[in-house]
Amino acid sequence: MRLVLTAMAMALAMASLAMAEEQERPVCENCGMFWDVSPTAVEAAIEVEDETVTHRFECLGCLHDYVHEYYGEVQPKTLSIVDYSTFGTEDVRMIDAFKAYYLFDTERIKGSMAPYTAAFADEDNAAAAQETLGGELVDFMGMQALMMKHKGDGEEEAGLESGHEHQSQGSDAQDEDVYVCSCTGGCCDNISSDQPGTCPQCGMALVKKSEK
């Protein structure tokens, strides 16, 4: 009996530890995606009066949305982003986003959200990746201008669809009770549920399939 109780206690302790680790896992403060699985992850330090606040975002689109909603027209004091060419390796690097080169509005990047934007430490690596990913090769200022156009009045003209706004495109009645991951990057296409909740793979909200 004592062995059974000990085993149960150990199981409960391990479960509690796993839950604690899950809760401590960094997530995007805008969309809720697990920050550590995104190939476009961003970390921004924003100065507010005499205090510097650090935020983590899944991508530059989330950064844009969050900063404009809570801070207005504020430029981060420091900004780091994943070097896309290192993602998936044992040496994933964060680079200075202000000095990086970008491929803006690329082909779908698995584990990210539209507008798909990959960052690189230098222009040569960005140009080499452009053959596969596509997109427009720009520096930080150019990327900012394109992002503003995407998020602003130019979005309708360019025919760009934001991955952070879910719009119904019509579906069969059978989709009404099916919930899927809201990430548009294709990393969680295998996830579905008959109830709302969060995606076990990326952490984003599950939404009705008809609304994705």
Protein backbone atom coordinates (compact mmCIF):
# COMPACT_ATOMS: atom_id res chain seq x y z
CA MET A 1 0.00 0.00 0.00
CA ARG A 2 2.84 2.32 0.91
CA LEU A 3 4.50 1.66 -2.45
CA VAL A 4 1.24 2.49 -4.26
CA LEU A 5 0.87 5.75 -2.34
CA THR A 6 4.51 6.63 -3.04
CA ALA A 7 4.07 5.95 -6.74
CA MET A 8 0.93 8.09 -6.81
CA ALA A 9 2.71 10.92 -5.02
CA MET A 10 5.59 10.78 -7.50
CA ALA A 11 3.19 10.78 -10.43
CA LEU A 12 1.37 13.81 -9.04
CA ALA A 13 4.66 15.61 -8.44
CA MET A 14 5.82 14.94 -12.01
CA ALA A 15 2.48 16.11 -13.39
CA SER A 16 2.69 19.31 -11.34
CA LEU A 17 6.24 19.91 -12.55
CA ALA A 18 5.18 19.40 -16.16
CA MET A 19 2.30 21.85 -15.72
CA ALA A 20 4.63 24.41 -14.15
CA GLU A 21 7.10 24.10 -17.00
CA GLU A 22 4.27 24.48 -19.53
CA GLN A 23 3.03 27.63 -17.78
CA GLU A 24 6.53 29.10 -17.73
CA ARG A 25 7.09 28.42 -21.42
CA PRO A 26 7.45 31.77 -23.22
CA VAL A 27 4.57 32.70 -25.51
CA CYS A 28 3.87 35.52 -27.94
CA GLU A 29 2.18 38.32 -26.02
CA ASN A 30 -0.03 39.09 -29.00
CA CYS A 31 -1.24 35.76 -30.42
CA GLY A 32 -0.28 33.24 -27.73
CA MET A 33 1.97 31.04 -29.90
CA PHE A 34 4.87 29.31 -28.16
CA TRP A 35 7.71 31.77 -28.68
CA ASP A 36 10.43 29.13 -28.75
CA VAL A 37 9.03 27.24 -31.76
CA SER A 38 8.74 30.19 -34.12
CA PRO A 39 11.33 30.67 -36.90
CA THR A 40 10.45 34.37 -36.90
CA ALA A 41 10.49 35.04 -33.13
CA VAL A 42 11.12 38.61 -31.98
CA GLU A 43 12.20 40.11 -28.65
CA ALA A 44 11.67 43.84 -28.13
CA ALA A 45 12.71 46.17 -25.34
CA ILE A 46 10.45 49.23 -25.14
CA GLU A 47 11.24 52.26 -23.03
CA VAL A 48 8.25 53.70 -21.19
CA GLU A 49 9.13 56.81 -19.17
CA ASP A 50 11.97 55.59 -16.93
CA GLU A 51 11.25 51.88 -17.31
CA THR A 52 12.32 49.41 -19.99
CA VAL A 53 9.83 46.61 -20.66
CA THR A 54 10.77 43.48 -22.62
CA HIS A 55 8.19 41.73 -24.81
CA ARG A 56 8.32 38.57 -26.90
CA PHE A 57 6.41 38.08 -30.12
CA GLU A 58 5.99 35.26 -32.61
CA CYS A 59 6.70 37.51 -35.58
CA LEU A 60 7.04 41.11 -36.73
CA GLY A 61 3.32 41.25 -37.51
CA CYS A 62 2.50 40.49 -33.86
CA LEU A 63 5.04 43.09 -32.74
CA HIS A 64 3.42 45.69 -34.99
CA ASP A 65 -0.11 44.92 -33.77
CA TYR A 66 0.82 44.88 -30.08
CA VAL A 67 2.98 48.00 -30.07
CA HIS A 68 0.44 50.05 -32.00
CA GLU A 69 -2.36 48.96 -29.68
CA TYR A 70 -0.59 49.51 -26.37
CA TYR A 71 2.19 52.03 -27.09
CA GLY A 72 1.23 53.87 -30.25
CA GLU A 73 3.98 55.14 -32.56
CA VAL A 74 6.92 53.89 -30.49
CA GLN A 75 10.17 52.43 -31.79
CA PRO A 76 11.65 49.66 -29.60
CA LYS A 77 14.86 50.56 -27.81
CA THR A 78 16.38 47.24 -28.84
CA LEU A 79 14.98 44.60 -31.17
CA SER A 80 16.22 41.05 -31.74
CA ILE A 81 14.92 38.48 -34.21
CA VAL A 82 15.76 34.90 -35.14
CA ASP A 83 18.25 34.54 -37.97
CA TYR A 84 16.09 32.37 -40.22
CA SER A 85 19.10 30.59 -41.69
CA THR A 86 19.96 29.21 -38.23
CA PHE A 87 16.49 28.04 -37.23
CA GLY A 88 16.26 24.28 -36.82
CA THR A 89 19.98 23.97 -36.14
CA GLU A 90 21.81 23.48 -32.86
CA ASP A 91 22.95 27.10 -33.04
CA VAL A 92 19.79 29.18 -33.36
CA ARG A 93 20.84 32.81 -33.20
CA MET A 94 19.04 36.05 -32.39
CA ILE A 95 20.36 38.99 -34.39
CA ASP A 96 19.95 42.76 -34.26
CA ALA A 97 16.72 43.35 -36.16
CA PHE A 98 17.68 46.94 -36.98
CA LYS A 99 20.72 45.69 -38.91
CA ALA A 100 19.12 42.59 -40.44
CA TYR A 101 17.93 42.02 -44.02
CA TYR A 102 14.46 40.68 -44.71
CA LEU A 103 12.45 38.73 -47.22
CA PHE A 104 9.00 40.28 -46.87
CA ASP A 105 5.77 38.52 -47.90
CA THR A 106 7.52 35.25 -48.73
CA GLU A 107 6.05 31.85 -49.40
CA ARG A 108 4.38 30.36 -46.33
CA ILE A 109 6.83 29.90 -43.47
CA LYS A 110 5.91 26.90 -41.36
CA GLY A 111 5.28 27.98 -37.78
CA SER A 112 4.77 31.66 -38.56
CA MET A 113 1.95 33.98 -39.53
CA ALA A 114 1.29 36.26 -42.50
CA PRO A 115 2.83 38.46 -43.71
CA TYR A 116 5.58 35.82 -43.74
CA THR A 117 8.83 37.67 -43.14
CA ALA A 118 12.20 35.97 -42.69
CA ALA A 119 15.22 37.80 -41.24
CA PHE A 120 18.88 37.25 -42.09
CA ALA A 121 22.15 38.53 -40.63
CA ASP A 122 23.45 39.71 -44.00
CA GLU A 123 22.21 40.56 -47.46
CA ASP A 124 23.98 37.66 -49.19
CA ASN A 125 22.18 35.02 -47.11
CA ALA A 126 18.88 36.78 -47.69
CA ALA A 127 19.47 36.89 -51.44
CA ALA A 128 20.38 33.19 -51.50
CA ALA A 129 17.22 32.26 -49.59
CA GLN A 130 15.09 34.41 -51.88
CA GLU A 131 15.35 31.78 -54.61
CA THR A 132 13.43 29.36 -52.38
CA LEU A 133 11.26 31.62 -50.24
CA GLY A 134 10.55 34.43 -52.66
CA GLY A 135 9.47 37.73 -51.17
CA GLU A 136 10.94 41.21 -51.45
CA LEU A 137 14.50 41.72 -50.17
CA VAL A 138 14.69 44.84 -47.99
CA ASP A 139 16.54 46.31 -45.02
CA PHE A 140 14.81 47.18 -41.74
CA MET A 141 13.45 50.52 -42.95
CA GLY A 142 12.11 48.90 -46.09
CA MET A 143 10.51 46.12 -44.07
CA GLN A 144 8.85 48.66 -41.79
CA ALA A 145 7.39 50.52 -44.76
CA LEU A 146 6.00 47.32 -46.28
CA MET A 147 4.58 46.22 -42.92
CA MET A 148 2.83 49.58 -42.49
CA LYS A 149 1.38 49.24 -45.98
CA HIS A 150 0.22 45.70 -45.22
CA LYS A 151 -1.42 46.75 -41.96
CA GLY A 152 -2.79 50.03 -43.25
CA ASP A 153 -4.71 51.33 -46.22
CA GLY A 154 -2.47 49.53 -48.69
CA GLU A 155 -3.60 46.13 -47.43
CA GLU A 156 -6.76 46.06 -49.52
CA GLU A 157 -4.97 47.41 -52.59
CA ALA A 158 -2.25 44.78 -52.34
CA GLY A 159 -4.77 42.02 -51.74
CA LEU A 160 -2.83 40.85 -48.69
CA GLU A 161 -4.49 38.71 -46.05
CA SER A 162 -3.37 39.05 -42.45
CA GLY A 163 -2.75 35.82 -40.59
CA HIS A 164 -3.82 37.49 -37.36
CA GLU A 165 -7.37 38.23 -38.47
CA HIS A 166 -9.59 35.25 -39.09
CA GLN A 167 -12.17 35.78 -41.78
CA SER A 168 -14.88 33.36 -42.76
CA GLN A 169 -14.55 32.17 -46.32
CA GLY A 170 -17.58 29.92 -46.29
CA SER A 171 -17.65 26.21 -45.52
CA ASP A 172 -19.79 23.15 -45.23
CA ALA A 173 -22.07 22.74 -42.20
CA GLN A 174 -19.87 19.88 -41.00
CA ASP A 175 -17.08 22.39 -40.32
CA GLU A 176 -19.18 24.27 -37.76
CA ASP A 177 -18.24 21.89 -34.93
CA VAL A 178 -14.61 21.34 -35.91
CA TYR A 179 -11.92 23.45 -34.24
CA VAL A 180 -8.47 23.82 -35.80
CA CYS A 181 -5.29 25.74 -34.98
CA SER A 182 -5.50 29.41 -35.92
CA CYS A 183 -1.89 29.52 -37.12
CA THR A 184 -1.76 30.04 -40.88
CA GLY A 185 1.81 28.82 -41.19
CA GLY A 186 0.84 25.20 -41.74
CA CYS A 187 2.70 23.86 -38.69
CA CYS A 188 -0.42 22.47 -37.06
CA ASP A 189 -2.61 21.34 -39.96
CA ASN A 190 -2.90 17.94 -38.25
CA ILE A 191 -4.60 19.42 -35.18
CA SER A 192 -8.39 19.31 -34.86
CA SER A 193 -10.87 19.10 -32.00
CA ASP A 194 -14.58 19.13 -31.34
CA GLN A 195 -14.06 21.78 -28.65
CA PRO A 196 -12.34 25.18 -28.44
CA GLY A 197 -9.06 25.44 -26.55
CA THR A 198 -5.36 25.87 -27.32
CA CYS A 199 -3.21 24.06 -29.84
CA PRO A 200 -0.95 21.51 -28.10
CA GLN A 201 1.79 22.06 -30.69
CA CYS A 202 2.11 25.83 -30.97
CA GLY A 203 -0.05 27.24 -28.18
CA MET A 204 -2.38 29.33 -30.32
CA ALA A 205 -6.14 29.32 -29.96
CA LEU A 206 -8.26 26.68 -31.67
CA VAL A 207 -10.93 28.33 -33.84
CA LYS A 208 -13.84 26.99 -35.82
CA LYS A 209 -12.65 25.64 -39.14
CA SER A 210 -15.28 27.74 -40.87
CA GLU A 211 -13.77 30.92 -39.40
CA LYS A 212 -10.11 30.29 -40.20
